[in-house]
C-alpha atoms as a PDB file:
ATOM      1  CA  MET A   1      17.628  11.525   0.162  1.00  0.00           C
ATOM      2  CA  SER A   2      21.223  10.347   0.418  1.00  0.00           C
ATOM      3  CA  ASN A   3      23.173   8.561  -2.317  1.00  0.00           C
ATOM      4  CA  LYS A   4      22.590   5.135  -0.579  1.00  0.00           C
ATOM      5  CA  ARG A   5      21.252   2.436  -2.856  1.00  0.00           C
ATOM      6  CA  ILE A   6      17.765   1.084  -2.002  1.00  0.00           C
ATOM      7  CA  GLY A   7      16.984  -2.469  -2.939  1.00  0.00           C
ATOM      8  CA  PHE A   8      13.588  -4.043  -3.145  1.00  0.00           C
ATOM      9  CA  ILE A   9      13.044  -7.751  -2.852  1.00  0.00           C
ATOM     10  CA  GLY A  10       9.676  -8.195  -4.498  1.00  0.00           C
ATOM     11  CA  ALA A  11       8.269  -5.981  -7.242  1.00  0.00           C
ATOM     12  CA  GLY A  12       4.543  -6.134  -6.485  1.00  0.00           C
ATOM     13  CA  ASN A  13       2.097  -3.296  -5.988  1.00  0.00           C
ATOM     14  CA  MET A  14       3.580  -1.914  -2.793  1.00  0.00           C
ATOM     15  CA  ALA A  15       7.147  -1.960  -3.990  1.00  0.00           C
ATOM     16  CA  THR A  16       6.015  -0.385  -7.347  1.00  0.00           C
ATOM     17  CA  ALA A  17       4.119   2.356  -5.410  1.00  0.00           C
ATOM     18  CA  ILE A  18       7.152   3.225  -3.301  1.00  0.00           C
ATOM     19  CA  ILE A  19       9.541   3.224  -6.290  1.00  0.00           C
ATOM     20  CA  ASN A  20       7.185   5.361  -8.352  1.00  0.00           C
ATOM     21  CA  GLY A  21       6.960   7.896  -5.553  1.00  0.00           C
ATOM     22  CA  ILE A  22      10.749   8.102  -5.239  1.00  0.00           C
ATOM     23  CA  ILE A  23      11.272   8.563  -8.937  1.00  0.00           C
ATOM     24  CA  LYS A  24       8.302  10.893  -9.468  1.00  0.00           C
ATOM     25  CA  ASN A  25       9.427  13.187  -6.681  1.00  0.00           C
ATOM     26  CA  LYS A  26      13.015  13.005  -7.838  1.00  0.00           C
ATOM     27  CA  ALA A  27      14.167  11.923  -4.465  1.00  0.00           C
ATOM     28  CA  LYS A  28      16.505   9.355  -6.002  1.00  0.00           C
ATOM     29  CA  SER A  29      17.472   8.432  -9.505  1.00  0.00           C
ATOM     30  CA  ALA A  30      16.205   5.159 -10.917  1.00  0.00           C
ATOM     31  CA  GLU A  31      19.753   4.009 -11.379  1.00  0.00           C
ATOM     32  CA  ASN A  32      20.209   4.136  -7.566  1.00  0.00           C
ATOM     33  CA  ILE A  33      17.359   1.638  -6.997  1.00  0.00           C
ATOM     34  CA  SER A  34      17.650  -2.152  -7.315  1.00  0.00           C
ATOM     35  CA  VAL A  35      14.903  -4.737  -7.614  1.00  0.00           C
ATOM     36  CA  TYR A  36      14.654  -8.480  -7.533  1.00  0.00           C
ATOM     37  CA  ASP A  37      11.600 -10.560  -8.181  1.00  0.00           C
ATOM     38  CA  LEU A  38      10.889 -14.142  -9.351  1.00  0.00           C
ATOM     39  CA  ASP A  39       8.483 -12.697 -11.938  1.00  0.00           C
ATOM     40  CA  LYS A  40      10.605 -11.719 -14.990  1.00  0.00           C
ATOM     41  CA  GLU A  41       7.820  -9.571 -16.464  1.00  0.00           C
ATOM     42  CA  LYS A  42       7.809  -7.348 -13.310  1.00  0.00           C
ATOM     43  CA  LEU A  43      11.566  -6.984 -13.664  1.00  0.00           C
ATOM     44  CA  GLU A  44      11.217  -5.948 -17.250  1.00  0.00           C
ATOM     45  CA  ILE A  45       8.746  -3.219 -16.220  1.00  0.00           C
ATOM     46  CA  MET A  46      11.195  -1.961 -13.617  1.00  0.00           C
ATOM     47  CA  SER A  47      13.984  -2.108 -16.131  1.00  0.00           C
ATOM     48  CA  ASP A  48      11.978   0.092 -18.513  1.00  0.00           C
ATOM     49  CA  LYS A  49      11.814   2.675 -15.726  1.00  0.00           C
ATOM     50  CA  GLY A  50      15.597   2.670 -15.618  1.00  0.00           C
ATOM     51  CA  VAL A  51      15.665   0.723 -12.293  1.00  0.00           C
ATOM     52  CA  ASP A  52      18.533  -1.761 -11.843  1.00  0.00           C
ATOM     53  CA  THR A  53      17.435  -5.448 -11.723  1.00  0.00           C
ATOM     54  CA  GLU A  54      19.251  -8.232 -10.019  1.00  0.00           C
ATOM     55  CA  GLU A  55      19.323 -11.978 -10.598  1.00  0.00           C
ATOM     56  CA  SER A  56      18.933 -13.102  -6.905  1.00  0.00           C
ATOM     57  CA  CYS A  57      18.005 -11.911  -3.430  1.00  0.00           C
ATOM     58  CA  SER A  58      21.580 -12.293  -2.234  1.00  0.00           C
ATOM     59  CA  ALA A  59      23.007 -10.241  -5.115  1.00  0.00           C
ATOM     60  CA  LEU A  60      20.536  -7.448  -4.425  1.00  0.00           C
ATOM     61  CA  ALA A  61      21.304  -7.526  -0.645  1.00  0.00           C
ATOM     62  CA  ALA A  62      25.005  -7.387  -1.252  1.00  0.00           C
ATOM     63  CA  LYS A  63      24.626  -4.365  -3.512  1.00  0.00           C
ATOM     64  CA  SER A  64      22.076  -2.390  -1.455  1.00  0.00           C
ATOM     65  CA  ASP A  65      22.437  -0.173   1.574  1.00  0.00           C
ATOM     66  CA  ILE A  66      18.723  -0.248   2.420  1.00  0.00           C
ATOM     67  CA  ILE A  67      16.857  -3.443   1.746  1.00  0.00           C
ATOM     68  CA  VAL A  68      13.017  -3.423   1.533  1.00  0.00           C
ATOM     69  CA  LEU A  69      11.422  -6.833   2.033  1.00  0.00           C
ATOM     70  CA  ALA A  70       8.336  -6.374  -0.099  1.00  0.00           C
ATOM     71  CA  VAL A  71       7.203 -10.075  -0.017  1.00  0.00           C
ATOM     72  CA  LYS A  72       4.344 -11.951   1.768  1.00  0.00           C
ATOM     73  CA  PRO A  73       4.833 -12.960   5.329  1.00  0.00           C
ATOM     74  CA  GLN A  74       4.980 -16.654   4.473  1.00  0.00           C
ATOM     75  CA  ASN A  75       8.035 -15.957   2.198  1.00  0.00           C
ATOM     76  CA  TYR A  76      10.047 -14.236   4.868  1.00  0.00           C
ATOM     77  CA  ASP A  77      11.881 -17.316   6.189  1.00  0.00           C
ATOM     78  CA  GLU A  78      13.119 -18.216   2.754  1.00  0.00           C
ATOM     79  CA  VAL A  79      14.146 -14.637   1.934  1.00  0.00           C
ATOM     80  CA  LEU A  80      15.940 -14.020   5.238  1.00  0.00           C
ATOM     81  CA  SER A  81      17.873 -17.295   4.807  1.00  0.00           C
ATOM     82  CA  ASP A  82      18.824 -16.338   1.210  1.00  0.00           C
ATOM     83  CA  ILE A  83      20.286 -12.860   2.174  1.00  0.00           C
ATOM     84  CA  LYS A  84      21.741 -13.409   5.608  1.00  0.00           C
ATOM     85  CA  ASN A  85      25.309 -14.032   4.242  1.00  0.00           C
ATOM     86  CA  SER A  86      24.980 -10.724   2.312  1.00  0.00           C
ATOM     87  CA  VAL A  87      23.843  -8.604   5.238  1.00  0.00           C
ATOM     88  CA  ASN A  88      26.000  -6.775   7.765  1.00  0.00           C
ATOM     89  CA  GLU A  89      25.343  -4.349  10.665  1.00  0.00           C
ATOM     90  CA  ASN A  90      25.588  -1.380   8.344  1.00  0.00           C
ATOM     91  CA  LYS A  91      22.645  -2.384   6.166  1.00  0.00           C
ATOM     92  CA  VAL A  92      19.098  -1.286   6.952  1.00  0.00           C
ATOM     93  CA  ILE A  93      16.275  -3.810   6.585  1.00  0.00           C
ATOM     94  CA  VAL A  94      12.685  -2.575   6.036  1.00  0.00           C
ATOM     95  CA  THR A  95       9.777  -4.950   6.539  1.00  0.00           C
ATOM     96  CA  ILE A  96       6.398  -3.999   5.272  1.00  0.00           C
ATOM     97  CA  ALA A  97       4.558  -7.309   6.024  1.00  0.00           C
ATOM     98  CA  ALA A  98       1.848  -7.551   8.654  1.00  0.00           C
ATOM     99  CA  GLY A  99       2.992  -9.256  11.871  1.00  0.00           C
ATOM    100  CA  ILE A 100       6.744  -9.413  11.000  1.00  0.00           C
ATOM    101  CA  SER A 101       8.548  -7.930  13.980  1.00  0.00           C
ATOM    102  CA  ILE A 102      12.013  -6.322  14.227  1.00  0.00           C
ATOM    103  CA  ASP A 103      13.280  -9.205  16.330  1.00  0.00           C
ATOM    104  CA  TYR A 104      11.902 -11.766  13.833  1.00  0.00           C
ATOM    105  CA  VAL A 105      13.949 -10.163  11.076  1.00  0.00           C
ATOM    106  CA  ARG A 106      17.102  -9.990  13.187  1.00  0.00           C
ATOM    107  CA  ASN A 107      16.766 -13.603  14.291  1.00  0.00           C
ATOM    108  CA  GLY A 108      16.294 -14.765  10.746  1.00  0.00           C
ATOM    109  CA  LEU A 109      19.384 -12.870   9.587  1.00  0.00           C
ATOM    110  CA  GLU A 110      21.368 -13.784  12.744  1.00  0.00           C
ATOM    111  CA  ILE A 111      22.619 -10.267  13.005  1.00  0.00           C
ATOM    112  CA  ASN A 112      21.741  -7.139  15.013  1.00  0.00           C
ATOM    113  CA  CYS A 113      21.201  -4.938  12.003  1.00  0.00           C
ATOM    114  CA  PRO A 114      19.035  -1.754  11.985  1.00  0.00           C
ATOM    115  CA  VAL A 115      15.404  -2.527  11.109  1.00  0.00           C
ATOM    116  CA  VAL A 116      12.392  -0.409  10.207  1.00  0.00           C
ATOM    117  CA  ARG A 117       9.001  -2.016  10.488  1.00  0.00           C
ATOM    118  CA  VAL A 118       6.250  -0.314   8.301  1.00  0.00           C
ATOM    119  CA  MET A 119       2.545  -0.835   7.955  1.00  0.00           C
ATOM    120  CA  PRO A 120       1.429   0.920   4.662  1.00  0.00           C
ATOM    121  CA  ASN A 121      -1.976   0.655   2.884  1.00  0.00           C
ATOM    122  CA  THR A 122      -3.041   0.174  -0.700  1.00  0.00           C
ATOM    123  CA  PRO A 123      -3.871   3.845  -1.470  1.00  0.00           C
ATOM    124  CA  LEU A 124      -0.082   4.243  -1.563  1.00  0.00           C
ATOM    125  CA  LEU A 125      -0.508   3.163  -5.173  1.00  0.00           C
ATOM    126  CA  LEU A 126      -2.174   6.510  -5.902  1.00  0.00           C
ATOM    127  CA  GLY A 127       0.216   8.609  -3.779  1.00  0.00           C
ATOM    128  CA  LYS A 128      -2.489   8.799  -1.092  1.00  0.00           C
ATOM    129  CA  GLY A 129      -1.164   6.189   1.324  1.00  0.00           C
ATOM    130  CA  ALA A 130      -1.186   6.146   5.091  1.00  0.00           C
ATOM    131  CA  SER A 131       1.872   4.436   6.566  1.00  0.00           C
ATOM    132  CA  ALA A 132       2.908   3.726  10.182  1.00  0.00           C
ATOM    133  CA  LEU A 133       6.584   3.199  10.976  1.00  0.00           C
ATOM    134  CA  CYS A 134       8.620   2.053  13.931  1.00  0.00           C
ATOM    135  CA  ARG A 135      12.401   1.931  14.251  1.00  0.00           C
ATOM    136  CA  SER A 136      14.967  -0.317  15.909  1.00  0.00           C
ATOM    137  CA  GLU A 137      17.035   1.325  18.632  1.00  0.00           C
ATOM    138  CA  ASN A 138      20.239   1.127  16.609  1.00  0.00           C
ATOM    139  CA  ILE A 139      19.279   2.870  13.388  1.00  0.00           C
ATOM    140  CA  SER A 140      20.749   6.342  12.731  1.00  0.00           C
ATOM    141  CA  ASP A 141      18.482   9.351  12.420  1.00  0.00           C
ATOM    142  CA  GLU A 142      19.760   9.851   8.865  1.00  0.00           C
ATOM    143  CA  ASP A 143      18.916   6.327   7.766  1.00  0.00           C
ATOM    144  CA  PHE A 144      15.527   6.333   9.469  1.00  0.00           C
ATOM    145  CA  LYS A 145      14.667   9.711   7.819  1.00  0.00           C
ATOM    146  CA  GLU A 146      15.485   8.116   4.429  1.00  0.00           C
ATOM    147  CA  VAL A 147      13.138   5.208   5.065  1.00  0.00           C
ATOM    148  CA  TYR A 148      10.488   7.561   6.466  1.00  0.00           C
ATOM    149  CA  ASP A 149      10.688   9.758   3.406  1.00  0.00           C
ATOM    150  CA  MET A 150      10.206   6.818   1.036  1.00  0.00           C
ATOM    151  CA  PHE A 151       6.685   6.423   2.418  1.00  0.00           C
ATOM    152  CA  ALA A 152       5.899  10.065   3.078  1.00  0.00           C
ATOM    153  CA  LEU A 153       6.479  10.779  -0.595  1.00  0.00           C
ATOM    154  CA  SER A 154       3.425   8.703  -1.313  1.00  0.00           C
ATOM    155  CA  GLY A 155       1.042   9.976   1.393  1.00  0.00           C
ATOM    156  CA  GLU A 156       0.977  10.459   5.128  1.00  0.00           C
ATOM    157  CA  ALA A 157       3.411   8.714   7.537  1.00  0.00           C
ATOM    158  CA  ALA A 158       3.420   8.487  11.288  1.00  0.00           C
ATOM    159  CA  ILE A 159       5.918   7.044  13.787  1.00  0.00           C
ATOM    160  CA  LEU A 160       4.767   4.597  16.440  1.00  0.00           C
ATOM    161  CA  PRO A 161       6.380   2.354  19.044  1.00  0.00           C
ATOM    162  CA  GLU A 162       6.505  -1.301  17.949  1.00  0.00           C
ATOM    163  CA  SER A 163       4.066  -2.259  20.708  1.00  0.00           C
ATOM    164  CA  GLN A 164       1.291  -0.505  18.578  1.00  0.00           C
ATOM    165  CA  MET A 165       2.249  -1.885  15.208  1.00  0.00           C
ATOM    166  CA  ASN A 166      -0.216  -4.786  15.238  1.00  0.00           C
ATOM    167  CA  ALA A 167      -3.054  -2.537  16.438  1.00  0.00           C
ATOM    168  CA  ILE A 168      -2.390   0.039  13.790  1.00  0.00           C
ATOM    169  CA  ILE A 169      -3.195  -2.443  11.051  1.00  0.00           C
ATOM    170  CA  ALA A 170      -6.847  -2.052  12.015  1.00  0.00           C
ATOM    171  CA  VAL A 171      -6.478   1.748  11.759  1.00  0.00           C
ATOM    172  CA  ASN A 172      -4.769   2.187   8.381  1.00  0.00           C
ATOM    173  CA  GLY A 173      -3.711  -1.147   6.934  1.00  0.00           C
ATOM    174  CA  SER A 174      -7.042  -2.940   6.767  1.00  0.00           C
ATOM    175  CA  SER A 175      -9.312   0.076   7.005  1.00  0.00           C
ATOM    176  CA  PRO A 176      -9.657   0.858   3.289  1.00  0.00           C
ATOM    177  CA  ALA A 177     -11.868  -2.297   3.104  1.00  0.00           C
ATOM    178  CA  TYR A 178     -14.238  -0.820   5.733  1.00  0.00           C
ATOM    179  CA  VAL A 179     -14.676   2.307   3.541  1.00  0.00           C
ATOM    180  CA  TYR A 180     -15.241   0.204   0.437  1.00  0.00           C
ATOM    181  CA  LEU A 181     -17.863  -1.809   2.258  1.00  0.00           C
ATOM    182  CA  PHE A 182     -19.700   1.375   3.337  1.00  0.00           C
ATOM    183  CA  ALA A 183     -19.425   2.724  -0.277  1.00  0.00           C
ATOM    184  CA  LYS A 184     -20.866  -0.537  -1.656  1.00  0.00           C
ATOM    185  CA  ALA A 185     -23.895  -0.385   0.633  1.00  0.00           C
ATOM    186  CA  MET A 186     -24.522   3.277  -0.388  1.00  0.00           C
ATOM    187  CA  VAL A 187     -24.222   2.418  -4.073  1.00  0.00           C
ATOM    188  CA  ASP A 188     -26.526  -0.584  -3.708  1.00  0.00           C
ATOM    189  CA  TYR A 189     -29.211   1.604  -2.133  1.00  0.00           C
ATOM    190  CA  ALA A 190     -28.853   4.216  -4.893  1.00  0.00           C
ATOM    191  CA  VAL A 191     -29.353   1.625  -7.635  1.00  0.00           C
ATOM    192  CA  SER A 192     -32.363   0.180  -5.776  1.00  0.00           C
ATOM    193  CA  VAL A 193     -34.167   3.452  -6.091  1.00  0.00           C
ATOM    194  CA  GLY A 194     -33.223   3.950  -9.732  1.00  0.00           C
ATOM    195  CA  ILE A 195     -30.116   6.081  -9.538  1.00  0.00           C
ATOM    196  CA  ASN A 196     -27.428   5.315 -12.077  1.00  0.00           C
ATOM    197  CA  ARG A 197     -24.593   3.353 -10.447  1.00  0.00           C
ATOM    198  CA  GLU A 198     -21.821   5.401 -11.928  1.00  0.00           C
ATOM    199  CA  VAL A 199     -23.461   8.665 -10.995  1.00  0.00           C
ATOM    200  CA  ALA A 200     -23.989   7.448  -7.364  1.00  0.00           C
ATOM    201  CA  LEU A 201     -20.377   6.206  -7.073  1.00  0.00           C
ATOM    202  CA  SER A 202     -19.041   9.505  -8.400  1.00  0.00           C
ATOM    203  CA  LEU A 203     -21.046  11.496  -5.823  1.00  0.00           C
ATOM    204  CA  ILE A 204     -20.190   9.033  -3.042  1.00  0.00           C
ATOM    205  CA  CYS A 205     -16.445   9.332  -3.776  1.00  0.00           C
ATOM    206  CA  LYS A 206     -16.551  13.086  -3.761  1.00  0.00           C
ATOM    207  CA  THR A 207     -18.526  12.996  -0.531  1.00  0.00           C
ATOM    208  CA  PHE A 208     -15.805  10.775   1.113  1.00  0.00           C
ATOM    209  CA  GLU A 209     -13.071  13.164  -0.207  1.00  0.00           C
ATOM    210  CA  GLY A 210     -14.888  16.184   1.109  1.00  0.00           C
ATOM    211  CA  SER A 211     -15.736  14.570   4.413  1.00  0.00           C
ATOM    212  CA  ALA A 212     -12.067  13.546   4.881  1.00  0.00           C
ATOM    213  CA  GLU A 213     -10.949  17.122   4.254  1.00  0.00           C
ATOM    214  CA  MET A 214     -13.538  18.382   6.812  1.00  0.00           C
ATOM    215  CA  LEU A 215     -12.050  16.061   9.355  1.00  0.00           C
ATOM    216  CA  ARG A 216      -8.555  17.195   8.525  1.00  0.00           C
ATOM    217  CA  SER A 217      -9.128  20.941   8.171  1.00  0.00           C
ATOM    218  CA  SER A 218     -12.209  22.140   9.955  1.00  0.00           C
ATOM    219  CA  GLY A 219     -10.865  21.859  13.449  1.00  0.00           C
ATOM    220  CA  ASP A 220     -13.999  20.045  14.552  1.00  0.00           C
ATOM    221  CA  THR A 221     -14.192  16.602  16.158  1.00  0.00           C
ATOM    222  CA  PRO A 222     -16.019  13.762  14.338  1.00  0.00           C
ATOM    223  CA  GLU A 223     -18.875  14.139  16.975  1.00  0.00           C
ATOM    224  CA  THR A 224     -19.221  17.793  16.189  1.00  0.00           C
ATOM    225  CA  LEU A 225     -19.191  17.313  12.476  1.00  0.00           C
ATOM    226  CA  ILE A 226     -22.036  14.712  12.857  1.00  0.00           C
ATOM    227  CA  LYS A 227     -24.023  17.198  14.829  1.00  0.00           C
ATOM    228  CA  LYS A 228     -23.548  19.895  12.184  1.00  0.00           C
ATOM    229  CA  VAL A 229     -25.073  17.605   9.559  1.00  0.00           C
ATOM    230  CA  SER A 230     -27.847  16.184  11.715  1.00  0.00           C
ATOM    231  CA  SER A 231     -30.421  18.996  11.918  1.00  0.00           C
ATOM    232  CA  LYS A 232     -33.196  18.392  14.497  1.00  0.00           C
ATOM    233  CA  GLY A 233     -36.173  16.868  12.777  1.00  0.00           C
ATOM    234  CA  GLY A 234     -34.237  16.529   9.551  1.00  0.00           C
ATOM    235  CA  THR A 235     -33.315  13.577   7.285  1.00  0.00           C
ATOM    236  CA  THR A 236     -29.726  12.913   8.471  1.00  0.00           C
ATOM    237  CA  ILE A 237     -30.795  12.422  12.135  1.00  0.00           C
ATOM    238  CA  GLU A 238     -33.258   9.650  10.939  1.00  0.00           C
ATOM    239  CA  ALA A 239     -30.454   7.854   9.269  1.00  0.00           C
ATOM    240  CA  MET A 240     -28.225   8.249  12.306  1.00  0.00           C
ATOM    241  CA  LYS A 241     -30.890   6.815  14.534  1.00  0.00           C
ATOM    242  CA  VAL A 242     -30.985   3.580  12.440  1.00  0.00           C
ATOM    243  CA  LEU A 243     -27.168   3.309  12.424  1.00  0.00           C
ATOM    244  CA  ASN A 244     -26.986   3.748  16.145  1.00  0.00           C
ATOM    245  CA  GLU A 245     -30.001   1.326  16.795  1.00  0.00           C
ATOM    246  CA  ARG A 246     -28.153  -1.262  14.750  1.00  0.00           C
ATOM    247  CA  GLU A 247     -25.003  -0.584  16.755  1.00  0.00           C
ATOM    248  CA  VAL A 248     -22.850   0.219  13.678  1.00  0.00           C
ATOM    249  CA  PRO A 249     -20.252   2.098  15.739  1.00  0.00           C
ATOM    250  CA  LYS A 250     -19.871  -0.916  18.069  1.00  0.00           C
ATOM    251  CA  ALA A 251     -19.643  -3.281  15.042  1.00  0.00           C
ATOM    252  CA  ILE A 252     -16.812  -1.181  13.635  1.00  0.00           C
ATOM    253  CA  PHE A 253     -15.031  -1.174  17.003  1.00  0.00           C
ATOM    254  CA  ASP A 254     -15.420  -4.900  17.294  1.00  0.00           C
ATOM    255  CA  ALA A 255     -14.242  -5.456  13.750  1.00  0.00           C
ATOM    256  CA  MET A 256     -11.101  -3.496  14.398  1.00  0.00           C
ATOM    257  CA  ALA A 257     -10.482  -5.458  17.600  1.00  0.00           C
ATOM    258  CA  ALA A 258     -10.781  -8.723  15.624  1.00  0.00           C
ATOM    259  CA  CYS A 259      -8.332  -7.322  13.073  1.00  0.00           C
ATOM    260  CA  THR A 260      -5.752  -6.605  15.839  1.00  0.00           C
ATOM    261  CA  LYS A 261      -6.378 -10.010  17.382  1.00  0.00           C
ATOM    262  CA  ARG A 262      -5.556 -11.738  14.094  1.00  0.00           C
ATOM    263  CA  ALA A 263      -2.471  -9.583  13.677  1.00  0.00           C
ATOM    264  CA  GLU A 264      -1.282 -10.772  17.068  1.00  0.00           C
ATOM    265  CA  GLU A 265      -1.946 -14.355  16.069  1.00  0.00           C
ATOM    266  CA  LEU A 266       0.032 -13.932  12.884  1.00  0.00           C
ATOM    267  CA  GLY A 267       2.795 -11.999  14.679  1.00  0.00           C
ATOM    268  CA  LYS A 268       6.300 -13.249  14.409  1.00  0.00           C
END
């Protein structure tokens, strides 16, 4: 990474995950990172890491070259208003809130500054995140790489056109909840037949990890991997029959479509 200062408005889970990834991987020194948050306790935690803390959004924006808006969508209007007099066309703005578009940020700041729109997910907290990014037309390759690396340090990162940024929320942003729901159902069944909850959860988690690695590394499609587990006349194929009869694949597809629809409704 360059010597540019990165500033975070908001010191919640996502900002903390990104900052931890940067520091852990020695991509940038803590002294070259600034943070502002209304919560003084969060700022103290950051200060203990050696991160610079600021007293206002505008002070942070004035001091930073790359500004990450790590706040909830409903707080964007206030934050953009607070920092617009401290932003110029050389500063890069990063938005990680669902539905917040590049144009929305520029309109709020009343300036045509470079913007990167990102959709991360919560496993970023463990360095296992999956983030989708899109860039404005006027950001330099160097600056975009710096933003891209911030997220790639804590997991996988992919570049998409902005036209797909609402749809991708269903794929990586909201999808951990689908996995947790499936895990809950599996644990509930295990407990119902007398299997210890912690034992079941441990085996299920390892199964998810192994299955994900098979998807990544085996070279097989999901359909092929299903067939390899589903021996004719065996146990797995009976389970798959029930899942298909209950139209579970269709339910997942419809759920993702509903997620995208809501993202479009919330879009700004």
